[in-house]
Structure formats: C-alpha cells, structure tokens
Amino acid sequence: MTVQHKTMPQVTILTMAEDIYYNLVTSIVQDIVSRATSQNQFLNARYPNNPTLNYDPNGKLDIYGRQKQQESSIYFRCNNCDRDISANRFAAHLERCMSRGGRRG
C-alpha cells in the first residue's frame, strides 16, 4: 500500500512562512522593549534624581543643556618645553616639540 502525500499550495506555504517571520520579529522587538523598560524603571527607582540628558541637533549645547566651552580658551602646559599651548593645537605642538628634543627655535 502506498501513501500519497498531498502537497500544500504555494500560497499557503508562503503565508505560513510570513506569519512565522512576523511572529519571530514581533517577539524579538517585544523582548528588547521589555528589557529596556525594565532597566529604565530599575534605574529610575535606584537613582530618582538622575538628570535627563539633553540632545541638541545644532551641536551648540552639551549633554546637560549648557553652552559648550570653547576649546581655544583651554590651555595645557607642555612638560617638554614648559610653554602654555592651546588645547586645539596641543597634539600638533607635542609632536613637533618631542621630535626636536625640546629645543626652541
């Protein structure tokens, strides 16, 4: 006696595959959202006065909502030549200063 296998129509297989994929993606997204929500609630309970961070699309404010300090107003002292160097030029100065052995000229 032979058993005949009935084949499913292609549309049914495609529909089932789409449903499985949709359920899998939905499960993953719900898991991520659930974990993030739980972590957020835990952190808010543990640190109730934690300030929220600020996002400025123009880039003029720092993460706390204050005006950014200009880098040109920050100076570092070079340990090699004992000169005050602006922060935005310190790396270039250090490279030149170290390569010439601290000689001025």
PDB file of N, CA and C in Angstrom:
ATOM      1  N   MET A   1       0.838  -1.149   0.000  1.00  0.00           N
ATOM      2  CA  MET A   1       0.000   0.000   0.000  1.00  0.00           C
ATOM      3  C   MET A   1       0.901   1.235   0.000  1.00  0.00           C
ATOM      4  N   THR A   2       0.618   2.169  -0.811  1.00  0.00           N
ATOM      5  CA  THR A   2       1.404   3.394  -0.904  1.00  0.00           C
ATOM      6  C   THR A   2       0.614   4.543  -0.306  1.00  0.00           C
ATOM      7  N   VAL A   3       1.353   5.419   0.345  1.00  0.00           N
ATOM      8  CA  VAL A   3       0.719   6.602   0.934  1.00  0.00           C
ATOM      9  C   VAL A   3       0.991   7.767   0.014  1.00  0.00           C
ATOM     10  N   GLN A   4      -0.043   8.413  -0.362  1.00  0.00           N
ATOM     11  CA  GLN A   4       0.128   9.571  -1.237  1.00  0.00           C
ATOM     12  C   GLN A   4       0.193  10.834  -0.378  1.00  0.00           C
ATOM     13  N   HIS A   5       1.190  11.641  -0.662  1.00  0.00           N
ATOM     14  CA  HIS A   5       1.356  12.899   0.067  1.00  0.00           C
ATOM     15  C   HIS A   5       0.656  13.999  -0.693  1.00  0.00           C
ATOM     16  N   LYS A   6      -0.137  14.730   0.018  1.00  0.00           N
ATOM     17  CA  LYS A   6      -0.780  15.882  -0.603  1.00  0.00           C
ATOM     18  C   LYS A   6       0.154  17.074  -0.425  1.00  0.00           C
ATOM     19  N   THR A   7       0.380  17.783  -1.456  1.00  0.00           N
ATOM     20  CA  THR A   7       1.247  18.953  -1.376  1.00  0.00           C
ATOM     21  C   THR A   7       0.403  20.174  -1.075  1.00  0.00           C
ATOM     22  N   MET A   8       0.968  21.038  -0.256  1.00  0.00           N
ATOM     23  CA  MET A   8       0.273  22.278   0.074  1.00  0.00           C
ATOM     24  C   MET A   8       0.415  23.245  -1.082  1.00  0.00           C
ATOM     25  N   PRO A   9      -0.574  24.045  -1.296  1.00  0.00           N
ATOM     26  CA  PRO A   9      -0.423  25.069  -2.328  1.00  0.00           C
ATOM     27  C   PRO A   9       0.689  26.042  -1.936  1.00  0.00           C
ATOM     28  N   GLN A  10       1.357  26.604  -2.911  1.00  0.00           N
ATOM     29  CA  GLN A  10       2.482  27.512  -2.688  1.00  0.00           C
ATOM     30  C   GLN A  10       2.048  28.731  -1.880  1.00  0.00           C
ATOM     31  N   VAL A  11       0.835  29.207  -2.084  1.00  0.00           N
ATOM     32  CA  VAL A  11       0.349  30.377  -1.360  1.00  0.00           C
ATOM     33  C   VAL A  11       0.267  30.089   0.137  1.00  0.00           C
ATOM     34  N   THR A  12      -0.160  28.910   0.501  1.00  0.00           N
ATOM     35  CA  THR A  12      -0.278  28.550   1.911  1.00  0.00           C
ATOM     36  C   THR A  12       1.099  28.484   2.572  1.00  0.00           C
ATOM     37  N   ILE A  13       2.066  27.918   1.896  1.00  0.00           N
ATOM     38  CA  ILE A  13       3.436  27.846   2.432  1.00  0.00           C
ATOM     39  C   ILE A  13       4.003  29.249   2.612  1.00  0.00           C
ATOM     40  N   LEU A  14       3.795  30.103   1.629  1.00  0.00           N
ATOM     41  CA  LEU A  14       4.283  31.478   1.712  1.00  0.00           C
ATOM     42  C   LEU A  14       3.603  32.221   2.862  1.00  0.00           C
ATOM     43  N   THR A  15       2.308  32.032   3.004  1.00  0.00           N
ATOM     44  CA  THR A  15       1.567  32.685   4.082  1.00  0.00           C
ATOM     45  C   THR A  15       2.056  32.215   5.444  1.00  0.00           C
ATOM     46  N   MET A  16       2.283  30.925   5.587  1.00  0.00           N
ATOM     47  CA  MET A  16       2.785  30.397   6.857  1.00  0.00           C
ATOM     48  C   MET A  16       4.183  30.923   7.154  1.00  0.00           C
ATOM     49  N   ALA A  17       5.020  30.983   6.132  1.00  0.00           N
ATOM     50  CA  ALA A  17       6.380  31.495   6.323  1.00  0.00           C
ATOM     51  C   ALA A  17       6.346  32.959   6.755  1.00  0.00           C
ATOM     52  N   GLU A  18       5.477  33.744   6.135  1.00  0.00           N
ATOM     53  CA  GLU A  18       5.361  35.154   6.514  1.00  0.00           C
ATOM     54  C   GLU A  18       4.859  35.296   7.946  1.00  0.00           C
ATOM     55  N   ASP A  19       3.889  34.474   8.333  1.00  0.00           N
ATOM     56  CA  ASP A  19       3.368  34.522   9.702  1.00  0.00           C
ATOM     57  C   ASP A  19       4.441  34.150  10.722  1.00  0.00           C
ATOM     58  N   ILE A  20       5.214  33.124  10.428  1.00  0.00           N
ATOM     59  CA  ILE A  20       6.293  32.711  11.336  1.00  0.00           C
ATOM     60  C   ILE A  20       7.331  33.824  11.459  1.00  0.00           C
ATOM     61  N   TYR A  21       7.702  34.417  10.337  1.00  0.00           N
ATOM     62  CA  TYR A  21       8.686  35.506  10.339  1.00  0.00           C
ATOM     63  C   TYR A  21       8.150  36.702  11.130  1.00  0.00           C
ATOM     64  N   TYR A  22       6.898  37.080  10.880  1.00  0.00           N
ATOM     65  CA  TYR A  22       6.289  38.209  11.578  1.00  0.00           C
ATOM     66  C   TYR A  22       6.256  37.950  13.084  1.00  0.00           C
ATOM     67  N   ASN A  23       5.860  36.752  13.480  1.00  0.00           N
ATOM     68  CA  ASN A  23       5.810  36.412  14.909  1.00  0.00           C
ATOM     69  C   ASN A  23       7.197  36.437  15.544  1.00  0.00           C
ATOM     70  N   LEU A  24       8.195  35.963  14.812  1.00  0.00           N
ATOM     71  CA  LEU A  24       9.567  35.966  15.320  1.00  0.00           C
ATOM     72  C   LEU A  24      10.073  37.393  15.517  1.00  0.00           C
ATOM     73  N   VAL A  25       9.879  38.241  14.513  1.00  0.00           N
ATOM     74  CA  VAL A  25      10.329  39.634  14.615  1.00  0.00           C
ATOM     75  C   VAL A  25       9.583  40.352  15.737  1.00  0.00           C
ATOM     76  N   THR A  26       8.279  40.129  15.823  1.00  0.00           N
ATOM     77  CA  THR A  26       7.485  40.751  16.885  1.00  0.00           C
ATOM     78  C   THR A  26       7.971  40.309  18.257  1.00  0.00           C
ATOM     79  N   SER A  27       8.280  39.035  18.404  1.00  0.00           N
ATOM     80  CA  SER A  27       8.797  38.523  19.679  1.00  0.00           C
ATOM     81  C   SER A  27      10.114  39.180  20.052  1.00  0.00           C
ATOM     82  N   ILE A  28      10.999  39.309  19.091  1.00  0.00           N
ATOM     83  CA  ILE A  28      12.306  39.922  19.351  1.00  0.00           C
ATOM     84  C   ILE A  28      12.137  41.379  19.766  1.00  0.00           C
ATOM     85  N   VAL A  29      11.306  42.124  19.040  1.00  0.00           N
ATOM     86  CA  VAL A  29      11.092  43.538  19.363  1.00  0.00           C
ATOM     87  C   VAL A  29      10.462  43.683  20.744  1.00  0.00           C
ATOM     88  N   GLN A  30       9.472  42.864  21.048  1.00  0.00           N
ATOM     89  CA  GLN A  30       8.830  42.932  22.363  1.00  0.00           C
ATOM     90  C   GLN A  30       9.812  42.596  23.479  1.00  0.00           C
ATOM     91  N   ASP A  31      10.702  41.650  23.245  1.00  0.00           N
ATOM     92  CA  ASP A  31      11.708  41.291  24.241  1.00  0.00           C
ATOM     93  C   ASP A  31      12.654  42.460  24.498  1.00  0.00           C
ATOM     94  N   ILE A  32      13.094  43.107  23.429  1.00  0.00           N
ATOM     95  CA  ILE A  32      14.008  44.248  23.570  1.00  0.00           C
ATOM     96  C   ILE A  32      13.327  45.389  24.312  1.00  0.00           C
ATOM     97  N   VAL A  33      12.093  45.699  23.932  1.00  0.00           N
ATOM     98  CA  VAL A  33      11.356  46.785  24.588  1.00  0.00           C
ATOM     99  C   VAL A  33      11.113  46.454  26.057  1.00  0.00           C
ATOM    100  N   SER A  34      10.774  45.212  26.342  1.00  0.00           N
ATOM    101  CA  SER A  34      10.529  44.799  27.723  1.00  0.00           C
ATOM    102  C   SER A  34      11.785  44.942  28.571  1.00  0.00           C
ATOM    103  N   ARG A  35      12.909  44.512  28.043  1.00  0.00           N
ATOM    104  CA  ARG A  35      14.170  44.625  28.799  1.00  0.00           C
ATOM    105  C   ARG A  35      14.560  46.081  29.017  1.00  0.00           C
ATOM    106  N   ALA A  36      14.413  46.905  27.971  1.00  0.00           N
ATOM    107  CA  ALA A  36      14.764  48.320  28.097  1.00  0.00           C
ATOM    108  C   ALA A  36      13.850  49.019  29.100  1.00  0.00           C
ATOM    109  N   THR A  37      12.565  48.691  29.067  1.00  0.00           N
ATOM    110  CA  THR A  37      11.617  49.289  30.006  1.00  0.00           C
ATOM    111  C   THR A  37      11.937  48.871  31.437  1.00  0.00           C
ATOM    112  N   SER A  38      12.220  47.601  31.636  1.00  0.00           N
ATOM    113  CA  SER A  38      12.561  47.119  32.982  1.00  0.00           C
ATOM    114  C   SER A  38      13.827  47.785  33.499  1.00  0.00           C
ATOM    115  N   GLN A  39      14.823  47.896  32.638  1.00  0.00           N
ATOM    116  CA  GLN A  39      16.076  48.525  33.047  1.00  0.00           C
ATOM    117  C   GLN A  39      15.853  49.998  33.378  1.00  0.00           C
ATOM    118  N   ASN A  40      15.044  50.677  32.567  1.00  0.00           N
ATOM    119  CA  ASN A  40      14.757  52.085  32.809  1.00  0.00           C
ATOM    120  C   ASN A  40      14.018  52.271  34.133  1.00  0.00           C
ATOM    121  N   GLN A  41      13.037  51.428  34.411  1.00  0.00           N
ATOM    122  CA  GLN A  41      12.298  51.513  35.672  1.00  0.00           C
ATOM    123  C   GLN A  41      13.215  51.226  36.860  1.00  0.00           C
ATOM    124  N   PHE A  42      14.100  50.257  36.714  1.00  0.00           N
ATOM    125  CA  PHE A  42      15.046  49.934  37.782  1.00  0.00           C
ATOM    126  C   PHE A  42      15.975  51.114  38.062  1.00  0.00           C
ATOM    127  N   LEU A  43      16.515  51.713  37.003  1.00  0.00           N
ATOM    128  CA  LEU A  43      17.430  52.841  37.189  1.00  0.00           C
ATOM    129  C   LEU A  43      16.713  54.056  37.767  1.00  0.00           C
ATOM    130  N   ASN A  44      15.473  54.292  37.326  1.00  0.00           N
ATOM    131  CA  ASN A  44      14.712  55.417  37.878  1.00  0.00           C
ATOM    132  C   ASN A  44      14.387  55.200  39.351  1.00  0.00           C
ATOM    133  N   ALA A  45      14.144  53.960  39.743  1.00  0.00           N
ATOM    134  CA  ALA A  45      13.876  53.674  41.155  1.00  0.00           C
ATOM    135  C   ALA A  45      15.147  53.796  41.989  1.00  0.00           C
ATOM    136  N   ARG A  46      16.262  53.375  41.433  1.00  0.00           N
ATOM    137  CA  ARG A  46      17.524  53.406  42.174  1.00  0.00           C
ATOM    138  C   ARG A  46      18.121  54.810  42.238  1.00  0.00           C
ATOM    139  N   TYR A  47      18.003  55.563  41.143  1.00  0.00           N
ATOM    140  CA  TYR A  47      18.548  56.923  41.068  1.00  0.00           C
ATOM    141  C   TYR A  47      17.422  57.885  40.693  1.00  0.00           C
ATOM    142  N   PRO A  48      16.568  58.266  41.643  1.00  0.00           N
ATOM    143  CA  PRO A  48      15.397  59.076  41.293  1.00  0.00           C
ATOM    144  C   PRO A  48      15.731  60.497  40.845  1.00  0.00           C
ATOM    145  N   ASN A  49      16.848  61.049  41.275  1.00  0.00           N
ATOM    146  CA  ASN A  49      17.189  62.430  40.927  1.00  0.00           C
ATOM    147  C   ASN A  49      18.183  62.519  39.782  1.00  0.00           C
ATOM    148  N   ASN A  50      18.332  61.460  39.030  1.00  0.00           N
ATOM    149  CA  ASN A  50      19.275  61.444  37.919  1.00  0.00           C
ATOM    150  C   ASN A  50      18.776  62.381  36.815  1.00  0.00           C
ATOM    151  N   PRO A  51      19.567  63.379  36.422  1.00  0.00           N
ATOM    152  CA  PRO A  51      19.095  64.319  35.398  1.00  0.00           C
ATOM    153  C   PRO A  51      19.036  63.652  34.024  1.00  0.00           C
ATOM    154  N   THR A  52      18.071  64.074  33.243  1.00  0.00           N
ATOM    155  CA  THR A  52      17.969  63.548  31.883  1.00  0.00           C
ATOM    156  C   THR A  52      18.990  64.252  31.003  1.00  0.00           C
ATOM    157  N   LEU A  53      19.469  63.556  29.990  1.00  0.00           N
ATOM    158  CA  LEU A  53      20.469  64.125  29.099  1.00  0.00           C
ATOM    159  C   LEU A  53      19.784  64.913  27.997  1.00  0.00           C
ATOM    160  N   ASN A  54      20.449  65.955  27.539  1.00  0.00           N
ATOM    161  CA  ASN A  54      19.903  66.845  26.529  1.00  0.00           C
ATOM    162  C   ASN A  54      20.523  66.537  25.173  1.00  0.00           C
ATOM    163  N   TYR A  55      19.705  66.582  24.120  1.00  0.00           N
ATOM    164  CA  TYR A  55      20.218  66.399  22.762  1.00  0.00           C
ATOM    165  C   TYR A  55      19.986  67.682  21.994  1.00  0.00           C
ATOM    166  N   ASP A  56      21.057  68.257  21.454  1.00  0.00           N
ATOM    167  CA  ASP A  56      20.963  69.475  20.655  1.00  0.00           C
ATOM    168  C   ASP A  56      21.388  69.152  19.233  1.00  0.00           C
ATOM    169  N   PRO A  57      20.456  69.163  18.275  1.00  0.00           N
ATOM    170  CA  PRO A  57      20.823  68.823  16.895  1.00  0.00           C
ATOM    171  C   PRO A  57      21.785  69.827  16.269  1.00  0.00           C
ATOM    172  N   ASN A  58      21.849  71.051  16.806  1.00  0.00           N
ATOM    173  CA  ASN A  58      22.767  72.058  16.267  1.00  0.00           C
ATOM    174  C   ASN A  58      24.180  71.902  16.806  1.00  0.00           C
ATOM    175  N   GLY A  59      24.334  71.158  17.894  1.00  0.00           N
ATOM    176  CA  GLY A  59      25.657  70.924  18.458  1.00  0.00           C
ATOM    177  C   GLY A  59      26.198  72.073  19.277  1.00  0.00           C
ATOM    178  N   LYS A  60      25.335  72.985  19.735  1.00  0.00           N
ATOM    179  CA  LYS A  60      25.804  74.137  20.498  1.00  0.00           C
ATOM    180  C   LYS A  60      25.732  73.915  22.005  1.00  0.00           C
ATOM    181  N   LEU A  61      24.987  72.875  22.432  1.00  0.00           N
ATOM    182  CA  LEU A  61      24.845  72.592  23.859  1.00  0.00           C
ATOM    183  C   LEU A  61      25.479  71.247  24.184  1.00  0.00           C
ATOM    184  N   ASP A  62      25.945  71.104  25.430  1.00  0.00           N
ATOM    185  CA  ASP A  62      26.479  69.810  25.844  1.00  0.00           C
ATOM    186  C   ASP A  62      25.326  68.910  26.287  1.00  0.00           C
ATOM    187  N   ILE A  63      25.630  67.721  26.805  1.00  0.00           N
ATOM    188  CA  ILE A  63      24.577  66.769  27.144  1.00  0.00           C
ATOM    189  C   ILE A  63      23.745  67.212  28.338  1.00  0.00           C
ATOM    190  N   TYR A  64      24.202  68.201  29.089  1.00  0.00           N
ATOM    191  CA  TYR A  64      23.446  68.713  30.224  1.00  0.00           C
ATOM    192  C   TYR A  64      22.667  69.975  29.877  1.00  0.00           C
ATOM    193  N   GLY A  65      22.684  70.414  28.614  1.00  0.00           N
ATOM    194  CA  GLY A  65      21.922  71.575  28.170  1.00  0.00           C
ATOM    195  C   GLY A  65      22.632  72.894  28.377  1.00  0.00           C
ATOM    196  N   ARG A  66      23.904  72.856  28.730  1.00  0.00           N
ATOM    197  CA  ARG A  66      24.671  74.087  28.929  1.00  0.00           C
ATOM    198  C   ARG A  66      25.466  74.403  27.668  1.00  0.00           C
ATOM    199  N   GLN A  67      25.857  75.671  27.528  1.00  0.00           N
ATOM    200  CA  GLN A  67      26.673  76.080  26.396  1.00  0.00           C
ATOM    201  C   GLN A  67      28.025  75.381  26.461  1.00  0.00           C
ATOM    202  N   LYS A  68      28.494  74.908  25.313  1.00  0.00           N
ATOM    203  CA  LYS A  68      29.809  74.265  25.274  1.00  0.00           C
ATOM    204  C   LYS A  68      30.898  75.302  25.492  1.00  0.00           C
ATOM    205  N   GLN A  69      31.942  74.884  26.189  1.00  0.00           N
ATOM    206  CA  GLN A  69      33.081  75.763  26.410  1.00  0.00           C
ATOM    207  C   GLN A  69      33.974  75.703  25.181  1.00  0.00           C
ATOM    208  N   GLN A  70      34.438  76.849  24.752  1.00  0.00           N
ATOM    209  CA  GLN A  70      35.303  76.898  23.583  1.00  0.00           C
ATOM    210  C   GLN A  70      36.641  76.258  23.909  1.00  0.00           C
ATOM    211  N   GLU A  71      37.105  75.379  23.025  1.00  0.00           N
ATOM    212  CA  GLU A  71      38.380  74.699  23.260  1.00  0.00           C
ATOM    213  C   GLU A  71      39.560  75.653  23.229  1.00  0.00           C
ATOM    214  N   SER A  72      39.434  76.766  22.519  1.00  0.00           N
ATOM    215  CA  SER A  72      40.564  77.683  22.421  1.00  0.00           C
ATOM    216  C   SER A  72      40.849  78.374  23.754  1.00  0.00           C
ATOM    217  N   SER A  73      39.891  78.359  24.678  1.00  0.00           N
ATOM    218  CA  SER A  73      40.118  79.003  25.965  1.00  0.00           C
ATOM    219  C   SER A  73      40.778  78.058  26.972  1.00  0.00           C
ATOM    220  N   ILE A  74      41.001  76.813  26.581  1.00  0.00           N
ATOM    221  CA  ILE A  74      41.642  75.846  27.464  1.00  0.00           C
ATOM    222  C   ILE A  74      43.110  75.717  27.056  1.00  0.00           C
ATOM    223  N   TYR A  75      43.992  75.837  28.034  1.00  0.00           N
ATOM    224  CA  TYR A  75      45.422  75.731  27.755  1.00  0.00           C
ATOM    225  C   TYR A  75      46.033  74.617  28.593  1.00  0.00           C
ATOM    226  N   PHE A  76      47.022  73.954  28.005  1.00  0.00           N
ATOM    227  CA  PHE A  76      47.777  72.917  28.695  1.00  0.00           C
ATOM    228  C   PHE A  76      49.237  73.327  28.720  1.00  0.00           C
ATOM    229  N   ARG A  77      49.931  72.916  29.781  1.00  0.00           N
ATOM    230  CA  ARG A  77      51.361  73.191  29.855  1.00  0.00           C
ATOM    231  C   ARG A  77      52.104  71.995  29.294  1.00  0.00           C
ATOM    232  N   CYS A  78      52.990  72.267  28.342  1.00  0.00           N
ATOM    233  CA  CYS A  78      53.820  71.225  27.754  1.00  0.00           C
ATOM    234  C   CYS A  78      54.925  70.889  28.752  1.00  0.00           C
ATOM    235  N   ASN A  79      55.021  69.628  29.130  1.00  0.00           N
ATOM    236  CA  ASN A  79      56.043  69.212  30.095  1.00  0.00           C
ATOM    237  C   ASN A  79      57.434  69.196  29.486  1.00  0.00           C
ATOM    238  N   ASN A  80      57.496  69.215  28.174  1.00  0.00           N
ATOM    239  CA  ASN A  80      58.785  69.154  27.498  1.00  0.00           C
ATOM    240  C   ASN A  80      59.439  70.528  27.400  1.00  0.00           C
ATOM    241  N   CYS A  81      58.658  71.566  27.057  1.00  0.00           N
ATOM    242  CA  CYS A  81      59.249  72.897  26.880  1.00  0.00           C
ATOM    243  C   CYS A  81      58.679  73.932  27.847  1.00  0.00           C
ATOM    244  N   ASP A  82      57.785  73.539  28.726  1.00  0.00           N
ATOM    245  CA  ASP A  82      57.172  74.416  29.735  1.00  0.00           C
ATOM    246  C   ASP A  82      56.456  75.626  29.144  1.00  0.00           C
ATOM    247  N   ARG A  83      55.804  75.432  28.006  1.00  0.00           N
ATOM    248  CA  ARG A  83      55.005  76.504  27.398  1.00  0.00           C
ATOM    249  C   ARG A  83      53.529  76.166  27.534  1.00  0.00           C
ATOM    250  N   ASP A  84      52.686  77.204  27.616  1.00  0.00           N
ATOM    251  CA  ASP A  84      51.240  77.008  27.603  1.00  0.00           C
ATOM    252  C   ASP A  84      50.785  76.926  26.156  1.00  0.00           C
ATOM    253  N   ILE A  85      50.071  75.847  25.822  1.00  0.00           N
ATOM    254  CA  ILE A  85      49.629  75.592  24.454  1.00  0.00           C
ATOM    255  C   ILE A  85      48.110  75.451  24.460  1.00  0.00           C
ATOM    256  N   SER A  86      47.455  76.052  23.472  1.00  0.00           N
ATOM    257  CA  SER A  86      46.009  75.929  23.330  1.00  0.00           C
ATOM    258  C   SER A  86      45.632  74.466  23.108  1.00  0.00           C
ATOM    259  N   ALA A  87      44.480  74.062  23.650  1.00  0.00           N
ATOM    260  CA  ALA A  87      44.058  72.662  23.578  1.00  0.00           C
ATOM    261  C   ALA A  87      43.906  72.181  22.146  1.00  0.00           C
ATOM    262  N   ASN A  88      43.428  73.059  21.257  1.00  0.00           N
ATOM    263  CA  ASN A  88      43.218  72.612  19.880  1.00  0.00           C
ATOM    264  C   ASN A  88      44.523  72.500  19.096  1.00  0.00           C
ATOM    265  N   ARG A  89      45.637  72.966  19.633  1.00  0.00           N
ATOM    266  CA  ARG A  89      46.936  72.854  18.964  1.00  0.00           C
ATOM    267  C   ARG A  89      47.914  71.972  19.739  1.00  0.00           C
ATOM    268  N   PHE A  90      47.463  71.400  20.858  1.00  0.00           N
ATOM    269  CA  PHE A  90      48.381  70.684  21.741  1.00  0.00           C
ATOM    270  C   PHE A  90      48.982  69.447  21.082  1.00  0.00           C
ATOM    271  N   ALA A  91      48.189  68.665  20.362  1.00  0.00           N
ATOM    272  CA  ALA A  91      48.707  67.441  19.740  1.00  0.00           C
ATOM    273  C   ALA A  91      49.771  67.771  18.697  1.00  0.00           C
ATOM    274  N   ALA A  92      49.500  68.778  17.872  1.00  0.00           N
ATOM    275  CA  ALA A  92      50.482  69.166  16.851  1.00  0.00           C
ATOM    276  C   ALA A  92      51.750  69.710  17.509  1.00  0.00           C
ATOM    277  N   HIS A  93      51.585  70.513  18.555  1.00  0.00           N
ATOM    278  CA  HIS A  93      52.750  71.053  19.252  1.00  0.00           C
ATOM    279  C   HIS A  93      53.579  69.931  19.876  1.00  0.00           C
ATOM    280  N   LEU A  94      52.904  69.002  20.518  1.00  0.00           N
ATOM    281  CA  LEU A  94      53.605  67.914  21.192  1.00  0.00           C
ATOM    282  C   LEU A  94      54.404  67.078  20.201  1.00  0.00           C
ATOM    283  N   GLU A  95      53.835  66.853  19.038  1.00  0.00           N
ATOM    284  CA  GLU A  95      54.552  66.087  18.014  1.00  0.00           C
ATOM    285  C   GLU A  95      55.825  66.812  17.580  1.00  0.00           C
ATOM    286  N   ARG A  96      55.710  68.119  17.338  1.00  0.00           N
ATOM    287  CA  ARG A  96      56.893  68.893  16.935  1.00  0.00           C
ATOM    288  C   ARG A  96      57.888  69.012  18.082  1.00  0.00           C
ATOM    289  N   CYS A  97      57.370  69.279  19.261  1.00  0.00           N
ATOM    290  CA  CYS A  97      58.228  69.507  20.418  1.00  0.00           C
ATOM    291  C   CYS A  97      59.015  68.246  20.783  1.00  0.00           C
ATOM    292  N   MET A  98      58.367  67.097  20.744  1.00  0.00           N
ATOM    293  CA  MET A  98      59.041  65.849  21.098  1.00  0.00           C
ATOM    294  C   MET A  98      60.034  65.419  20.022  1.00  0.00           C
ATOM    295  N   SER A  99      59.752  65.758  18.782  1.00  0.00           N
ATOM    296  CA  SER A  99      60.656  65.325  17.710  1.00  0.00           C
ATOM    297  C   SER A  99      61.945  66.131  17.684  1.00  0.00           C
ATOM    298  N   ARG A 100      61.924  67.347  18.212  1.00  0.00           N
ATOM    299  CA  ARG A 100      63.150  68.146  18.196  1.00  0.00           C
ATOM    300  C   ARG A 100      63.850  68.159  19.544  1.00  0.00           C
ATOM    301  N   GLY A 101      63.380  67.338  20.458  1.00  0.00           N
ATOM    302  CA  GLY A 101      64.076  67.190  21.736  1.00  0.00           C
ATOM    303  C   GLY A 101      63.915  68.368  22.663  1.00  0.00           C
ATOM    304  N   GLY A 102      62.882  69.138  22.507  1.00  0.00           N
ATOM    305  CA  GLY A 102      62.638  70.248  23.409  1.00  0.00           C
ATOM    306  C   GLY A 102      63.413  71.499  23.065  1.00  0.00           C
ATOM    307  N   ARG A 103      64.123  71.503  21.952  1.00  0.00           N
ATOM    308  CA  ARG A 103      64.854  72.705  21.550  1.00  0.00           C
ATOM    309  C   ARG A 103      63.874  73.752  21.058  1.00  0.00           C
ATOM    310  N   ARG A 104      64.126  74.969  21.351  1.00  0.00           N
ATOM    311  CA  ARG A 104      63.297  76.066  20.840  1.00  0.00           C
ATOM    312  C   ARG A 104      63.993  76.655  19.636  1.00  0.00           C
ATOM    313  N   GLY A 105      63.176  77.007  18.663  1.00  0.00           N
ATOM    314  CA  GLY A 105      63.828  77.625  17.519  1.00  0.00           C
ATOM    315  C   GLY A 105      63.057  77.556  16.267  1.00  0.00           C
TER     316      GLY A 105
END
